[in-house]
C-alpha atoms as a PDB file:
ATOM      1  CA  MET A   1      70.494 106.661 116.295  1.00  0.00           C
ATOM      2  CA  SER A   2      70.128 108.452 112.928  1.00  0.00           C
ATOM      3  CA  PRO A   3      73.069 109.558 110.978  1.00  0.00           C
ATOM      4  CA  GLY A   4      72.320 113.194 111.634  1.00  0.00           C
ATOM      5  CA  LYS A   5      72.734 112.929 115.288  1.00  0.00           C
ATOM      6  CA  ARG A   6      76.032 114.294 116.461  1.00  0.00           C
ATOM      7  CA  THR A   7      76.171 111.911 119.255  1.00  0.00           C
ATOM      8  CA  THR A   8      78.071 108.820 117.318  1.00  0.00           C
ATOM      9  CA  ASN A   9      80.050 106.696 119.507  1.00  0.00           C
ATOM     10  CA  VAL A  10      84.308 106.689 119.019  1.00  0.00           C
ATOM     11  CA  ALA A  11      83.908 103.489 118.769  1.00  0.00           C
ATOM     12  CA  ALA A  12      80.938 102.174 116.735  1.00  0.00           C
ATOM     13  CA  ALA A  13      82.094 105.104 114.072  1.00  0.00           C
ATOM     14  CA  MET A  14      85.588 103.436 113.581  1.00  0.00           C
ATOM     15  CA  ALA A  15      84.597  99.916 113.854  1.00  0.00           C
ATOM     16  CA  ALA A  16      87.668  98.726 111.816  1.00  0.00           C
ATOM     17  CA  LEU A  17      89.316 101.409 112.205  1.00  0.00           C
ATOM     18  CA  PHE A  18      90.241 101.043 116.011  1.00  0.00           C
ATOM     19  CA  LEU A  19      91.473  97.606 115.112  1.00  0.00           C
ATOM     20  CA  ALA A  20      94.548  99.033 113.872  1.00  0.00           C
ATOM     21  CA  ILE A  21      94.830 102.920 114.274  1.00  0.00           C
ATOM     22  CA  LEU A  22      95.087 103.216 117.931  1.00  0.00           C
ATOM     23  CA  TRP A  23      98.248 101.402 119.159  1.00  0.00           C
ATOM     24  CA  LEU A  24     100.302 102.682 115.720  1.00  0.00           C
ATOM     25  CA  SER A  25     102.842 105.679 116.672  1.00  0.00           C
ATOM     26  CA  ALA A  26     106.482 104.416 116.926  1.00  0.00           C
ATOM     27  CA  LEU A  27     107.671 107.605 118.883  1.00  0.00           C
ATOM     28  CA  PRO A  28     105.894 110.839 118.079  1.00  0.00           C
ATOM     29  CA  ALA A  29     103.827 111.615 114.815  1.00  0.00           C
ATOM     30  CA  ILE A  30     104.950 113.566 111.964  1.00  0.00           C
ATOM     31  CA  ALA A  31     103.941 117.751 112.831  1.00  0.00           C
ATOM     32  CA  ASN A  32     101.878 118.362 110.131  1.00  0.00           C
ATOM     33  CA  GLY A  33     102.863 121.262 108.477  1.00  0.00           C
ATOM     34  CA  LYS A  34     103.561 123.235 111.782  1.00  0.00           C
ATOM     35  CA  LYS A  35     105.697 126.393 111.492  1.00  0.00           C
ATOM     36  CA  LEU A  36     109.050 128.021 112.953  1.00  0.00           C
ATOM     37  CA  GLN A  37     110.051 131.182 111.977  1.00  0.00           C
ATOM     38  CA  VAL A  38     113.349 132.675 112.198  1.00  0.00           C
ATOM     39  CA  ILE A  39     114.525 135.458 114.866  1.00  0.00           C
ATOM     40  CA  GLN A  40     118.391 135.713 114.413  1.00  0.00           C
ATOM     41  CA  ASP A  41     119.445 137.932 111.091  1.00  0.00           C
ATOM     42  CA  LYS A  42     121.251 134.685 109.856  1.00  0.00           C
ATOM     43  CA  ALA A  43     120.638 130.987 111.060  1.00  0.00           C
ATOM     44  CA  ALA A  44     122.806 128.440 109.493  1.00  0.00           C
ATOM     45  CA  VAL A  45     120.239 125.019 108.081  1.00  0.00           C
ATOM     46  CA  ARG A  46     122.151 121.680 108.779  1.00  0.00           C
ATOM     47  CA  LEU A  47     122.974 118.693 107.322  1.00  0.00           C
ATOM     48  CA  ASP A  48     122.995 117.200 110.900  1.00  0.00           C
ATOM     49  CA  ALA A  49     122.508 117.772 114.118  1.00  0.00           C
ATOM     50  CA  TRP A  50     125.383 119.632 115.344  1.00  0.00           C
ATOM     51  CA  GLU A  51     127.215 122.879 115.221  1.00  0.00           C
ATOM     52  CA  GLY A  52     130.575 121.599 112.713  1.00  0.00           C
ATOM     53  CA  SER A  53     128.358 119.871 110.221  1.00  0.00           C
ATOM     54  CA  PRO A  54     127.787 120.839 106.721  1.00  0.00           C
ATOM     55  CA  VAL A  55     125.794 124.131 105.791  1.00  0.00           C
ATOM     56  CA  VAL A  56     122.619 122.940 103.828  1.00  0.00           C
ATOM     57  CA  GLU A  57     121.634 127.284 103.568  1.00  0.00           C
ATOM     58  CA  THR A  58     122.134 130.052 105.180  1.00  0.00           C
ATOM     59  CA  LEU A  59     118.944 131.668 106.039  1.00  0.00           C
ATOM     60  CA  GLY A  60     117.788 135.442 107.090  1.00  0.00           C
ATOM     61  CA  ARG A  61     115.884 136.601 109.932  1.00  0.00           C
ATOM     62  CA  GLY A  62     111.325 135.837 109.196  1.00  0.00           C
ATOM     63  CA  ALA A  63     112.553 133.553 107.296  1.00  0.00           C
ATOM     64  CA  VAL A  64     109.754 130.675 107.702  1.00  0.00           C
ATOM     65  CA  LEU A  65     110.009 127.090 108.044  1.00  0.00           C
ATOM     66  CA  THR A  66     108.447 123.897 108.224  1.00  0.00           C
ATOM     67  CA  LEU A  67     108.601 121.670 111.525  1.00  0.00           C
ATOM     68  CA  GLY A  68     109.367 118.173 110.167  1.00  0.00           C
ATOM     69  CA  SER A  69     108.930 116.190 113.299  1.00  0.00           C
ATOM     70  CA  ASP A  70     107.452 117.081 116.920  1.00  0.00           C
ATOM     71  CA  ILE A  71     111.023 114.756 117.529  1.00  0.00           C
ATOM     72  CA  LYS A  72     114.274 117.517 118.918  1.00  0.00           C
ATOM     73  CA  THR A  73     117.049 115.740 118.216  1.00  0.00           C
ATOM     74  CA  LYS A  74     120.385 116.088 120.616  1.00  0.00           C
ATOM     75  CA  VAL A  75     117.868 118.481 123.103  1.00  0.00           C
ATOM     76  CA  ASN A  76     117.773 121.425 121.081  1.00  0.00           C
ATOM     77  CA  TRP A  77     117.770 121.161 117.168  1.00  0.00           C
ATOM     78  CA  TYR A  78     114.512 120.925 115.047  1.00  0.00           C
ATOM     79  CA  TYR A  79     114.604 118.943 111.987  1.00  0.00           C
ATOM     80  CA  VAL A  80     112.490 120.971 109.124  1.00  0.00           C
ATOM     81  CA  TYR A  81     111.504 122.178 105.360  1.00  0.00           C
ATOM     82  CA  PHE A  82     112.223 125.051 103.542  1.00  0.00           C
ATOM     83  CA  THR A  83     112.580 126.408 100.230  1.00  0.00           C
ATOM     84  CA  SER A  84     115.626 127.355  99.467  1.00  0.00           C
ATOM     85  CA  LEU A  85     116.287 130.849  98.358  1.00  0.00           C
ATOM     86  CA  GLN A  86     119.269 129.415  95.726  1.00  0.00           C
ATOM     87  CA  SER A  87     117.569 126.749  93.940  1.00  0.00           C
ATOM     88  CA  GLY A  88     113.598 127.456  94.875  1.00  0.00           C
ATOM     89  CA  ASN A  89     113.385 123.655  95.636  1.00  0.00           C
ATOM     90  CA  THR A  90     112.225 122.203  98.726  1.00  0.00           C
ATOM     91  CA  ARG A  91     115.272 121.256 101.019  1.00  0.00           C
ATOM     92  CA  SER A  92     115.618 119.818 104.644  1.00  0.00           C
ATOM     93  CA  GLY A  93     117.979 119.826 107.367  1.00  0.00           C
ATOM     94  CA  TYR A  94     118.669 121.169 111.069  1.00  0.00           C
ATOM     95  CA  ILE A  95     118.246 124.143 112.953  1.00  0.00           C
ATOM     96  CA  HIS A  96     119.039 125.152 116.292  1.00  0.00           C
ATOM     97  CA  ASP A  97     116.250 125.647 118.484  1.00  0.00           C
ATOM     98  CA  SER A  98     117.654 129.001 119.553  1.00  0.00           C
ATOM     99  CA  CYS A  99     117.019 130.709 116.202  1.00  0.00           C
ATOM    100  CA  VAL A 100     113.454 130.171 115.732  1.00  0.00           C
ATOM    101  CA  ARG A 101     110.546 130.877 117.217  1.00  0.00           C
ATOM    102  CA  ALA A 102     107.045 128.579 117.015  1.00  0.00           C
ATOM    103  CA  LEU A 103     103.769 130.165 114.815  1.00  0.00           C
ATOM    104  CA  PHE A 104     101.803 128.230 116.644  1.00  0.00           C
ATOM    105  CA  PRO A 105     100.532 127.624 120.390  1.00  0.00           C
ATOM    106  CA  ALA A 106     102.004 125.349 122.674  1.00  0.00           C
ATOM    107  CA  LEU A 107     104.592 123.464 120.903  1.00  0.00           C
ATOM    108  CA  LYS A 108     104.766 120.165 122.427  1.00  0.00           C
ATOM    109  CA  VAL A 109     108.026 118.698 122.092  1.00  0.00           C
ATOM    110  CA  ILE A 110     108.849 114.806 122.230  1.00  0.00           C
ATOM    111  CA  LEU A 111     112.898 113.833 123.045  1.00  0.00           C
ATOM    112  CA  ILE A 112     113.978 111.031 121.844  1.00  0.00           C
ATOM    113  CA  THR A 113     117.257 108.788 123.025  1.00  0.00           C
ATOM    114  CA  SER A 114     118.253 105.407 121.441  1.00  0.00           C
ATOM    115  CA  GLY A 115     116.801 103.415 123.258  1.00  0.00           C
ATOM    116  CA  ASP A 116     116.992  99.517 123.011  1.00  0.00           C
ATOM    117  CA  GLU A 117     116.858  98.080 119.955  1.00  0.00           C
ATOM    118  CA  ILE A 118     114.551  95.248 119.444  1.00  0.00           C
ATOM    119  CA  LEU A 119     115.797  92.600 116.876  1.00  0.00           C
ATOM    120  CA  ASN A 120     112.673  90.192 116.849  1.00  0.00           C
ATOM    121  CA  PRO A 121     109.392  92.585 117.701  1.00  0.00           C
ATOM    122  CA  THR A 122     106.296  91.079 118.485  1.00  0.00           C
ATOM    123  CA  GLU A 123     103.882  90.779 115.465  1.00  0.00           C
ATOM    124  CA  ILE A 124     100.544  93.376 115.200  1.00  0.00           C
ATOM    125  CA  ASP A 125      97.506  91.523 117.140  1.00  0.00           C
ATOM    126  CA  LEU A 126      94.544  92.445 114.937  1.00  0.00           C
ATOM    127  CA  ASP A 127      92.536  90.498 116.957  1.00  0.00           C
ATOM    128  CA  THR A 128      92.495  92.499 119.831  1.00  0.00           C
ATOM    129  CA  PRO A 129      90.215  95.722 119.293  1.00  0.00           C
ATOM    130  CA  PHE A 130      91.180  98.601 121.323  1.00  0.00           C
ATOM    131  CA  GLN A 131      87.511 100.421 121.917  1.00  0.00           C
ATOM    132  CA  PRO A 132      87.427 103.208 124.266  1.00  0.00           C
ATOM    133  CA  ASN A 133      83.843 103.674 125.244  1.00  0.00           C
ATOM    134  CA  LEU A 134      84.003 107.262 123.914  1.00  0.00           C
ATOM    135  CA  LYS A 135      82.100 109.720 121.941  1.00  0.00           C
ATOM    136  CA  TRP A 136      83.393 113.063 120.020  1.00  0.00           C
ATOM    137  CA  GLY A 137      83.125 115.880 122.028  1.00  0.00           C
ATOM    138  CA  SER A 138      83.381 113.435 125.271  1.00  0.00           C
ATOM    139  CA  THR A 139      84.722 115.932 128.401  1.00  0.00           C
ATOM    140  CA  ARG A 140      87.749 115.489 130.296  1.00  0.00           C
ATOM    141  CA  ALA A 141      85.295 113.695 132.916  1.00  0.00           C
ATOM    142  CA  ASP A 142      83.965 111.293 130.632  1.00  0.00           C
ATOM    143  CA  ILE A 143      87.239 110.312 129.365  1.00  0.00           C
ATOM    144  CA  ILE A 144      88.605 109.513 133.246  1.00  0.00           C
ATOM    145  CA  ARG A 145      85.848 107.847 133.756  1.00  0.00           C
ATOM    146  CA  SER A 146      86.083 104.922 130.992  1.00  0.00           C
ATOM    147  CA  GLU A 147      89.641 105.230 130.835  1.00  0.00           C
ATOM    148  CA  GLY A 148      90.847 106.066 134.496  1.00  0.00           C
ATOM    149  CA  ARG A 149      93.115 108.868 135.864  1.00  0.00           C
ATOM    150  CA  PRO A 150      95.652 109.754 132.884  1.00  0.00           C
ATOM    151  CA  GLN A 151      99.622 109.411 133.415  1.00  0.00           C
ATOM    152  CA  SER A 152      99.881 112.750 132.572  1.00  0.00           C
ATOM    153  CA  GLU A 153      97.421 116.224 131.486  1.00  0.00           C
ATOM    154  CA  ASP A 154      98.989 118.943 129.968  1.00  0.00           C
ATOM    155  CA  VAL A 155      97.106 121.950 129.798  1.00  0.00           C
ATOM    156  CA  SER A 156      97.489 125.024 127.530  1.00  0.00           C
ATOM    157  CA  LYS A 157      95.083 128.142 126.172  1.00  0.00           C
ATOM    158  CA  GLY A 158      91.770 125.997 126.223  1.00  0.00           C
ATOM    159  CA  ARG A 159      93.738 122.726 124.825  1.00  0.00           C
ATOM    160  CA  GLN A 160      94.005 119.511 126.991  1.00  0.00           C
ATOM    161  CA  ILE A 161      96.026 116.427 126.441  1.00  0.00           C
ATOM    162  CA  LEU A 162      95.613 113.339 128.477  1.00  0.00           C
ATOM    163  CA  SER A 163      97.880 110.127 128.239  1.00  0.00           C
ATOM    164  CA  TYR A 164      97.691 106.715 129.193  1.00  0.00           C
ATOM    165  CA  ARG A 165      99.953 104.171 129.122  1.00  0.00           C
ATOM    166  CA  ARG A 166      98.939 100.536 127.996  1.00  0.00           C
ATOM    167  CA  GLU A 167      99.697  97.609 125.830  1.00  0.00           C
ATOM    168  CA  ILE A 168      97.591  97.705 123.124  1.00  0.00           C
ATOM    169  CA  MET A 169      97.753  94.541 120.784  1.00  0.00           C
ATOM    170  CA  LYS A 170     100.587  93.297 122.232  1.00  0.00           C
ATOM    171  CA  LYS A 171     102.380  96.882 121.838  1.00  0.00           C
ATOM    172  CA  LYS A 172     103.950  98.900 124.742  1.00  0.00           C
ATOM    173  CA  CYS A 173     101.864 101.994 123.924  1.00  0.00           C
ATOM    174  CA  ASP A 174     101.454 105.558 125.092  1.00  0.00           C
ATOM    175  CA  VAL A 175      97.390 106.651 124.068  1.00  0.00           C
ATOM    176  CA  GLU A 176      97.039 110.277 124.100  1.00  0.00           C
ATOM    177  CA  TYR A 177      93.318 111.908 123.586  1.00  0.00           C
ATOM    178  CA  ARG A 178      92.890 115.867 122.696  1.00  0.00           C
ATOM    179  CA  LEU A 179      90.205 118.036 123.798  1.00  0.00           C
ATOM    180  CA  GLU A 180      89.646 121.452 123.175  1.00  0.00           C
ATOM    181  CA  ALA A 181      87.375 123.834 124.994  1.00  0.00           C
ATOM    182  CA  ASN A 182      86.964 120.448 126.957  1.00  0.00           C
ATOM    183  CA  ARG A 183      85.807 118.546 124.203  1.00  0.00           C
ATOM    184  CA  LEU A 184      87.388 115.482 122.365  1.00  0.00           C
ATOM    185  CA  VAL A 185      88.182 116.634 119.176  1.00  0.00           C
ATOM    186  CA  GLY A 186      91.215 114.045 118.410  1.00  0.00           C
ATOM    187  CA  ALA A 187      93.468 110.823 119.430  1.00  0.00           C
ATOM    188  CA  ARG A 188      96.395 109.478 118.896  1.00  0.00           C
ATOM    189  CA  CYS A 189      99.111 106.561 119.978  1.00  0.00           C
ATOM    190  CA  HIS A 190     103.013 106.710 120.433  1.00  0.00           C
ATOM    191  CA  LEU A 191     104.293 103.074 120.264  1.00  0.00           C
ATOM    192  CA  LEU A 192     107.114 102.716 122.474  1.00  0.00           C
ATOM    193  CA  GLU A 193     109.366 100.610 120.937  1.00  0.00           C
ATOM    194  CA  ASN A 194     112.223 100.925 118.764  1.00  0.00           C
ATOM    195  CA  TYR A 195     112.677  98.449 115.979  1.00  0.00           C
ATOM    196  CA  ALA A 196     116.559  97.055 115.005  1.00  0.00           C
ATOM    197  CA  ASP A 197     115.002  96.875 111.242  1.00  0.00           C
ATOM    198  CA  LYS A 198     113.678  99.818 110.115  1.00  0.00           C
ATOM    199  CA  ASN A 199     112.237  98.005 107.288  1.00  0.00           C
ATOM    200  CA  ARG A 200     109.916  96.729 109.932  1.00  0.00           C
ATOM    201  CA  TYR A 201     108.385  99.923 109.885  1.00  0.00           C
ATOM    202  CA  ILE A 202     107.426 100.000 106.033  1.00  0.00           C
ATOM    203  CA  GLU A 203     106.085  96.553 106.708  1.00  0.00           C
ATOM    204  CA  ASP A 204     104.029  97.252 109.195  1.00  0.00           C
ATOM    205  CA  TYR A 205     103.028 100.669 107.868  1.00  0.00           C
ATOM    206  CA  ASN A 206     101.765  98.685 104.441  1.00  0.00           C
ATOM    207  CA  ARG A 207     100.254  96.109 106.468  1.00  0.00           C
ATOM    208  CA  ILE A 208      98.035  98.584 108.376  1.00  0.00           C
ATOM    209  CA  ARG A 209      97.236 100.314 104.840  1.00  0.00           C
ATOM    210  CA  GLU A 210      96.154  97.558 103.277  1.00  0.00           C
ATOM    211  CA  PHE A 211      93.933  96.526 106.189  1.00  0.00           C
ATOM    212  CA  LEU A 212      92.172  99.834 105.828  1.00  0.00           C
ATOM    213  CA  THR A 213      91.946 100.532 102.310  1.00  0.00           C
ATOM    214  CA  ALA A 214      90.341  97.077 102.578  1.00  0.00           C
ATOM    215  CA  LYS A 215      87.760  97.228 105.548  1.00  0.00           C
ATOM    216  CA  VAL A 216      86.858 101.402 104.025  1.00  0.00           C
ATOM    217  CA  GLY A 217      87.981 101.627 100.430  1.00  0.00           C
ATOM    218  CA  SER A 218      90.957 103.701  99.104  1.00  0.00           C
ATOM    219  CA  PRO A 219      92.709 106.667 100.657  1.00  0.00           C
ATOM    220  CA  ARG A 220      91.898 109.846  99.728  1.00  0.00           C
ATOM    221  CA  ALA A 221      95.875 110.814  99.557  1.00  0.00           C
ATOM    222  CA  ASP A 222      98.427 108.204  99.568  1.00  0.00           C
ATOM    223  CA  ARG A 223     101.711 109.866  98.834  1.00  0.00           C
ATOM    224  CA  ALA A 224     105.497 108.937  98.924  1.00  0.00           C
ATOM    225  CA  LEU A 225     107.854 111.981  99.314  1.00  0.00           C
ATOM    226  CA  TRP A 226     111.736 111.556  98.694  1.00  0.00           C
ATOM    227  CA  GLN A 227     113.661 114.638  99.689  1.00  0.00           C
ATOM    228  CA  ASP A 228     116.957 112.288  98.306  1.00  0.00           C
ATOM    229  CA  HIS A 229     116.847 109.722  96.312  1.00  0.00           C
ATOM    230  CA  SER A 230     120.147 107.787  96.600  1.00  0.00           C
ATOM    231  CA  TYR A 231     118.325 104.890  97.887  1.00  0.00           C
ATOM    232  CA  GLU A 232     115.024 104.851  95.799  1.00  0.00           C
ATOM    233  CA  ASN A 233     115.497 101.916  93.547  1.00  0.00           C
ATOM    234  CA  LYS A 234     117.093  99.831  96.304  1.00  0.00           C
ATOM    235  CA  THR A 235     113.650  98.215  98.119  1.00  0.00           C
ATOM    236  CA  ASP A 236     116.126  96.443 100.591  1.00  0.00           C
ATOM    237  CA  CYS A 237     117.497  99.870 101.442  1.00  0.00           C
ATOM    238  CA  TRP A 238     114.568 101.578 102.436  1.00  0.00           C
ATOM    239  CA  GLY A 239     114.633 101.688 105.673  1.00  0.00           C
ATOM    240  CA  ILE A 240     118.126 103.319 106.022  1.00  0.00           C
ATOM    241  CA  ALA A 241     116.501 105.502 103.388  1.00  0.00           C
ATOM    242  CA  LEU A 242     113.208 106.180 106.238  1.00  0.00           C
ATOM    243  CA  SER A 243     115.313 106.413 109.327  1.00  0.00           C
ATOM    244  CA  GLN A 244     118.128 109.579 107.870  1.00  0.00           C
ATOM    245  CA  GLY A 245     114.800 111.470 106.199  1.00  0.00           C
ATOM    246  CA  HIS A 246     115.209 110.089 102.500  1.00  0.00           C
ATOM    247  CA  VAL A 247     111.777 109.439 102.467  1.00  0.00           C
ATOM    248  CA  GLU A 248     108.521 110.130 103.716  1.00  0.00           C
ATOM    249  CA  PHE A 249     105.042 108.097 103.500  1.00  0.00           C
ATOM    250  CA  SER A 250     101.450 109.481 104.229  1.00  0.00           C
ATOM    251  CA  SER A 251      97.933 108.796 103.880  1.00  0.00           C
ATOM    252  CA  GLU A 252      94.275 109.297 105.174  1.00  0.00           C
ATOM    253  CA  TRP A 253      90.917 108.292 105.359  1.00  0.00           C
ATOM    254  CA  VAL A 254      87.390 109.883 106.457  1.00  0.00           C
ATOM    255  CA  PHE A 255      85.251 107.510 107.558  1.00  0.00           C
ATOM    256  CA  ARG A 256      81.786 108.817 108.760  1.00  0.00           C
ATOM    257  CA  ASP A 257      82.818 111.433 111.062  1.00  0.00           C
ATOM    258  CA  THR A 258      86.511 110.427 111.470  1.00  0.00           C
ATOM    259  CA  GLU A 259      89.672 111.490 109.435  1.00  0.00           C
ATOM    260  CA  VAL A 260      92.419 108.860 109.615  1.00  0.00           C
ATOM    261  CA  ARG A 261      96.065 110.125 108.910  1.00  0.00           C
ATOM    262  CA  LEU A 262      98.864 107.854 108.654  1.00  0.00           C
ATOM    263  CA  THR A 263     102.210 108.878 108.627  1.00  0.00           C
ATOM    264  CA  LEU A 264     105.966 107.189 108.293  1.00  0.00           C
ATOM    265  CA  ALA A 265     108.661 109.532 108.542  1.00  0.00           C
ATOM    266  CA  GLY A 266     112.316 109.963 110.282  1.00  0.00           C
ATOM    267  CA  ALA A 267     115.357 111.532 111.103  1.00  0.00           C
ATOM    268  CA  ASN A 268     119.076 110.458 112.988  1.00  0.00           C
ATOM    269  CA  ASN A 269     117.901 106.908 113.182  1.00  0.00           C
ATOM    270  CA  HIS A 270     115.069 107.691 114.524  1.00  0.00           C
ATOM    271  CA  VAL A 271     111.192 106.265 112.916  1.00  0.00           C
ATOM    272  CA  VAL A 272     108.169 108.213 113.087  1.00  0.00           C
ATOM    273  CA  PHE A 273     105.460 106.220 112.635  1.00  0.00           C
ATOM    274  CA  GLY A 274     102.018 108.315 113.312  1.00  0.00           C
ATOM    275  CA  ALA A 275      98.300 107.421 113.328  1.00  0.00           C
ATOM    276  CA  GLU A 276      96.465 110.158 114.221  1.00  0.00           C
ATOM    277  CA  LEU A 277      92.258 110.303 114.318  1.00  0.00           C
ATOM    278  CA  SER A 278      90.128 113.803 113.906  1.00  0.00           C
ATOM    279  CA  ASP A 279      86.716 114.626 114.556  1.00  0.00           C
ATOM    280  CA  VAL A 280      85.481 115.910 111.132  1.00  0.00           C
ATOM    281  CA  LYS A 281      83.067 118.152 112.494  1.00  0.00           C
ATOM    282  CA  THR A 282      86.021 120.985 114.244  1.00  0.00           C
ATOM    283  CA  LYS A 283      87.097 121.676 110.767  1.00  0.00           C
ATOM    284  CA  LYS A 284      91.250 120.966 111.726  1.00  0.00           C
ATOM    285  CA  PRO A 285      93.255 118.544 112.255  1.00  0.00           C
ATOM    286  CA  ALA A 286      94.095 116.902 115.410  1.00  0.00           C
ATOM    287  CA  SER A 287      98.098 118.127 115.680  1.00  0.00           C
ATOM    288  CA  PHE A 288      99.306 117.626 118.879  1.00  0.00           C
END
């Protein structure tokens, strides 16, 4: 099959990438720049997710914020970033969902509770590949024929997300396929495990990042964004910094017709460890 044809098999195109990527997300992936808008005359962005927490800044009606994570903390609080009117710098905090509206369709919010923490998580098994027999542009029927009936399915305005629960590389996972106009354009996987040692997430992120770099080359983007520098020079405390939203890591690759994005972030003692795959021909990220 010639490289110019648009029937590239997802598993073949990803080759080495699927060995590592489709098990990755520990809790939902970061929200990829989704925007919220303040709908009240005055809305407080708070340091923590409760009404008595100190106010980081008060924003007026119409102010636009960036959603930091699809995690909805304590049922009705969003973790957000915004440009401070006072200093001009980027700041972060929590805002109540009654104060904002989404500026994008079909917000999918996943509610997270503490859950049982795993003291000694199983090592990643990179020798157990996960390669669905699917290609970009596959239909819902194609996915069901390959993967079986989904555990759940969300449909909204031409967008479909099919979810499957399975064990991949010795990790309990939720696998999601995203379709637009009944064509597969993205894939993502959620790891259903909560590590007690948050440094372990950083170790796994670095391991996957190094694995992908060795297989397909240096990432086209590789970032570490510190919101709070308190622990920046204390590497043994980076897990704490990560879980409190002080630092975020992200890396991106493009391999043939597939864009790969890894993200590692956190808030309120929860870690967001994400991998998303997108069909580059769609010209848009496979955000869920």
